[in-house]
Amino acid sequence: MTFESASERGLRFVSFAATFMFVIGVLLTMADIFLRSVSTFTVAGMVDMMQLCVLTGAMLAIPHAFLSDQHVAIDLFVERAPNRVQLALRIIAAMLAIAFLCGVLWFSYQQALNEAHDRSQTIGIPMSWYWTPFLVGIALSVFANIVLMVQLWRHGLPAKAVE
């Protein structure tokens, strides 16, 4: 098994964990709606838990989106360029993403340290529970862009991009 395929499988697993977090959020919402419709009970801390589920799901899905080329892109001009230009632009885009995400990771980590002892408003979830998936998602996005850049450098454009 190559490093590239192992990293792709690992990031795919992380994206499944992201989907699982969205499912948990949906189930919590359904339980809250059901309880409200048949009684006066609600799910305590619903907003805090939904924020945690959505944040975790979104941040863990982003790395796989980079690696599988599923992020939002405007191909109007790039797709008409020669393959070598497309390849160069994709490698440059990956390098720019790495630089930007490293900056985001550094400054976010600094902010996370400042908020290390804070808690959520409703049920007191430690803010580190929010910061951890955010920082992990950004770090994995840097990793995904490094893997993408290496793949592009070694293998060229993916088959769907060459068509």
Protein backbone atom coordinates (compact mmCIF):
# COMPACT_ATOMS: atom_id res chain seq x y z
CA MET A 1 0.00 0.00 0.00
CA THR A 2 1.41 3.38 -0.94
CA PHE A 3 1.51 6.46 1.25
CA GLU A 4 -0.95 8.20 -1.06
CA SER A 5 -3.58 5.46 -0.90
CA ALA A 6 -3.18 5.12 2.89
CA SER A 7 -3.63 8.86 3.35
CA GLU A 8 -6.67 8.87 1.06
CA ARG A 9 -8.23 6.03 3.04
CA GLY A 10 -7.47 7.77 6.31
CA LEU A 11 -9.06 11.02 5.16
CA ARG A 12 -12.06 9.11 3.83
CA PHE A 13 -12.48 7.56 7.29
CA VAL A 14 -12.34 11.04 8.83
CA SER A 15 -15.05 12.19 6.42
CA PHE A 16 -17.22 9.26 7.56
CA ALA A 17 -16.72 10.46 11.14
CA ALA A 18 -17.88 13.89 9.93
CA THR A 19 -21.01 12.36 8.47
CA PHE A 20 -21.61 10.53 11.74
CA MET A 21 -21.49 13.87 13.60
CA PHE A 22 -24.12 15.31 11.25
CA VAL A 23 -26.29 12.23 11.86
CA ILE A 24 -25.97 12.72 15.62
CA GLY A 25 -27.08 16.32 15.17
CA VAL A 26 -30.10 15.23 13.13
CA LEU A 27 -31.05 12.59 15.71
CA LEU A 28 -30.75 15.12 18.54
CA THR A 29 -32.98 17.53 16.62
CA MET A 30 -35.53 14.82 15.93
CA ALA A 31 -35.55 13.82 19.61
CA ASP A 32 -36.01 17.45 20.64
CA ILE A 33 -38.89 17.94 18.21
CA PHE A 34 -40.53 14.69 19.35
CA LEU A 35 -40.22 15.59 23.03
CA ARG A 36 -41.65 19.06 22.42
CA SER A 37 -44.60 17.66 20.50
CA VAL A 38 -45.63 15.05 23.10
CA SER A 39 -44.59 16.74 26.34
CA THR A 40 -43.06 19.84 27.84
CA PHE A 41 -39.59 18.31 27.89
CA THR A 42 -36.74 19.29 25.58
CA VAL A 43 -33.20 18.14 24.98
CA ALA A 44 -31.13 20.24 27.38
CA GLY A 45 -28.34 22.20 25.69
CA MET A 46 -29.62 21.58 22.19
CA VAL A 47 -27.93 24.67 20.73
CA ASP A 48 -24.56 23.82 22.30
CA MET A 49 -24.70 20.23 21.09
CA MET A 50 -25.83 21.17 17.57
CA GLN A 51 -23.04 23.73 17.28
CA LEU A 52 -20.54 21.06 18.32
CA CYS A 53 -21.97 18.50 15.87
CA VAL A 54 -22.05 20.91 12.92
CA LEU A 55 -18.60 22.33 13.65
CA THR A 56 -17.07 18.87 14.01
CA GLY A 57 -18.84 17.53 10.92
CA ALA A 58 -17.85 20.47 8.74
CA MET A 59 -14.23 20.63 9.85
CA LEU A 60 -13.65 16.90 9.47
CA ALA A 61 -15.22 16.86 5.98
CA ILE A 62 -13.04 19.63 4.54
CA PRO A 63 -9.77 17.62 4.22
CA HIS A 64 -11.43 14.92 2.12
CA ALA A 65 -13.05 17.60 -0.04
CA PHE A 66 -9.60 18.97 -0.87
CA LEU A 67 -8.16 15.57 -1.67
CA SER A 68 -11.12 14.38 -3.75
CA ASP A 69 -11.36 17.69 -5.64
CA GLN A 70 -14.90 18.31 -4.38
CA HIS A 71 -14.39 21.85 -3.16
CA VAL A 72 -15.92 24.83 -4.89
CA ALA A 73 -13.86 25.90 -7.88
CA ILE A 74 -14.39 28.10 -10.91
CA ASP A 75 -13.19 26.17 -13.93
CA LEU A 76 -14.46 28.53 -16.61
CA PHE A 77 -10.99 29.60 -17.73
CA VAL A 78 -8.79 26.90 -16.26
CA GLU A 79 -10.50 23.98 -17.99
CA ARG A 80 -9.75 25.57 -21.38
CA ALA A 81 -6.05 25.91 -20.63
CA PRO A 82 -3.52 23.31 -21.79
CA ASN A 83 -2.96 20.37 -19.45
CA ARG A 84 0.48 21.64 -18.34
CA VAL A 85 -0.99 25.01 -17.37
CA GLN A 86 -3.84 23.30 -15.51
CA LEU A 87 -1.34 21.14 -13.66
CA ALA A 88 0.81 24.14 -12.70
CA LEU A 89 -2.23 26.10 -11.53
CA ARG A 90 -3.43 23.20 -9.37
CA ILE A 91 -0.02 22.80 -7.77
CA ILE A 92 0.15 26.56 -7.11
CA ALA A 93 -3.37 26.46 -5.66
CA ALA A 94 -2.35 23.61 -3.32
CA MET A 95 0.73 25.57 -2.20
CA LEU A 96 -1.36 28.69 -1.56
CA ALA A 97 -3.91 26.61 0.37
CA ILE A 98 -1.12 25.13 2.49
CA ALA A 99 0.28 28.58 3.28
CA PHE A 100 -3.16 30.02 4.10
CA LEU A 101 -4.23 27.03 6.21
CA CYS A 102 -0.94 27.05 8.14
CA GLY A 103 -1.65 30.68 9.02
CA VAL A 104 -5.22 29.82 10.04
CA LEU A 105 -3.94 26.91 12.12
CA TRP A 106 -1.34 29.04 13.91
CA PHE A 107 -3.68 31.92 14.76
CA SER A 108 -6.53 29.58 15.68
CA TYR A 109 -4.26 27.66 18.00
CA GLN A 110 -3.29 30.93 19.71
CA GLN A 111 -6.97 31.80 20.15
CA ALA A 112 -7.74 28.31 21.45
CA LEU A 113 -5.08 28.75 24.12
CA ASN A 114 -6.72 32.03 25.17
CA GLU A 115 -10.10 30.32 25.54
CA ALA A 116 -8.82 27.11 27.10
CA HIS A 117 -10.83 27.50 30.32
CA ASP A 118 -14.07 28.84 28.82
CA ARG A 119 -17.29 26.83 28.61
CA SER A 120 -20.37 26.93 26.38
CA GLN A 121 -23.28 29.06 27.55
CA THR A 122 -26.07 26.54 28.05
CA ILE A 123 -24.66 23.28 29.40
CA GLY A 124 -21.03 24.20 29.97
CA ILE A 125 -19.27 22.13 27.31
CA PRO A 126 -15.54 22.93 27.53
CA MET A 127 -14.50 25.16 24.63
CA SER A 128 -11.62 22.79 23.97
CA TRP A 129 -14.25 20.36 22.65
CA TYR A 130 -15.05 22.96 19.98
CA TRP A 131 -11.47 23.96 19.28
CA THR A 132 -10.11 20.42 18.95
CA PRO A 133 -12.09 19.36 15.85
CA PHE A 134 -11.53 22.79 14.33
CA LEU A 135 -7.76 22.57 14.74
CA VAL A 136 -7.65 18.91 13.70
CA GLY A 137 -9.72 19.72 10.58
CA ILE A 138 -7.39 22.55 9.60
CA ALA A 139 -4.29 20.43 10.25
CA LEU A 140 -5.72 17.57 8.18
CA SER A 141 -6.57 20.06 5.42
CA VAL A 142 -2.90 21.09 5.33
CA PHE A 143 -1.96 17.40 5.16
CA ALA A 144 -4.54 16.76 2.39
CA ASN A 145 -3.13 19.62 0.32
CA ILE A 146 0.41 18.30 0.75
CA VAL A 147 -0.75 14.85 -0.41
CA LEU A 148 -2.64 16.46 -3.31
CA MET A 149 0.41 18.46 -4.35
CA VAL A 150 2.61 15.34 -4.27
CA GLN A 151 0.03 13.40 -6.30
CA LEU A 152 -0.16 16.15 -8.91
CA TRP A 153 3.60 16.41 -9.08
CA ARG A 154 4.13 12.65 -9.44
CA HIS A 155 1.11 11.60 -11.51
CA GLY A 156 -0.13 14.72 -13.26
CA LEU A 157 -3.77 15.66 -13.59
CA PRO A 158 -6.41 13.13 -12.54
CA ALA A 159 -8.21 11.37 -15.39
CA LYS A 160 -11.40 13.43 -14.98
CA ALA A 161 -9.42 16.67 -15.30
CA VAL A 162 -7.70 15.57 -18.52
CA GLU A 163 -10.92 14.72 -20.39
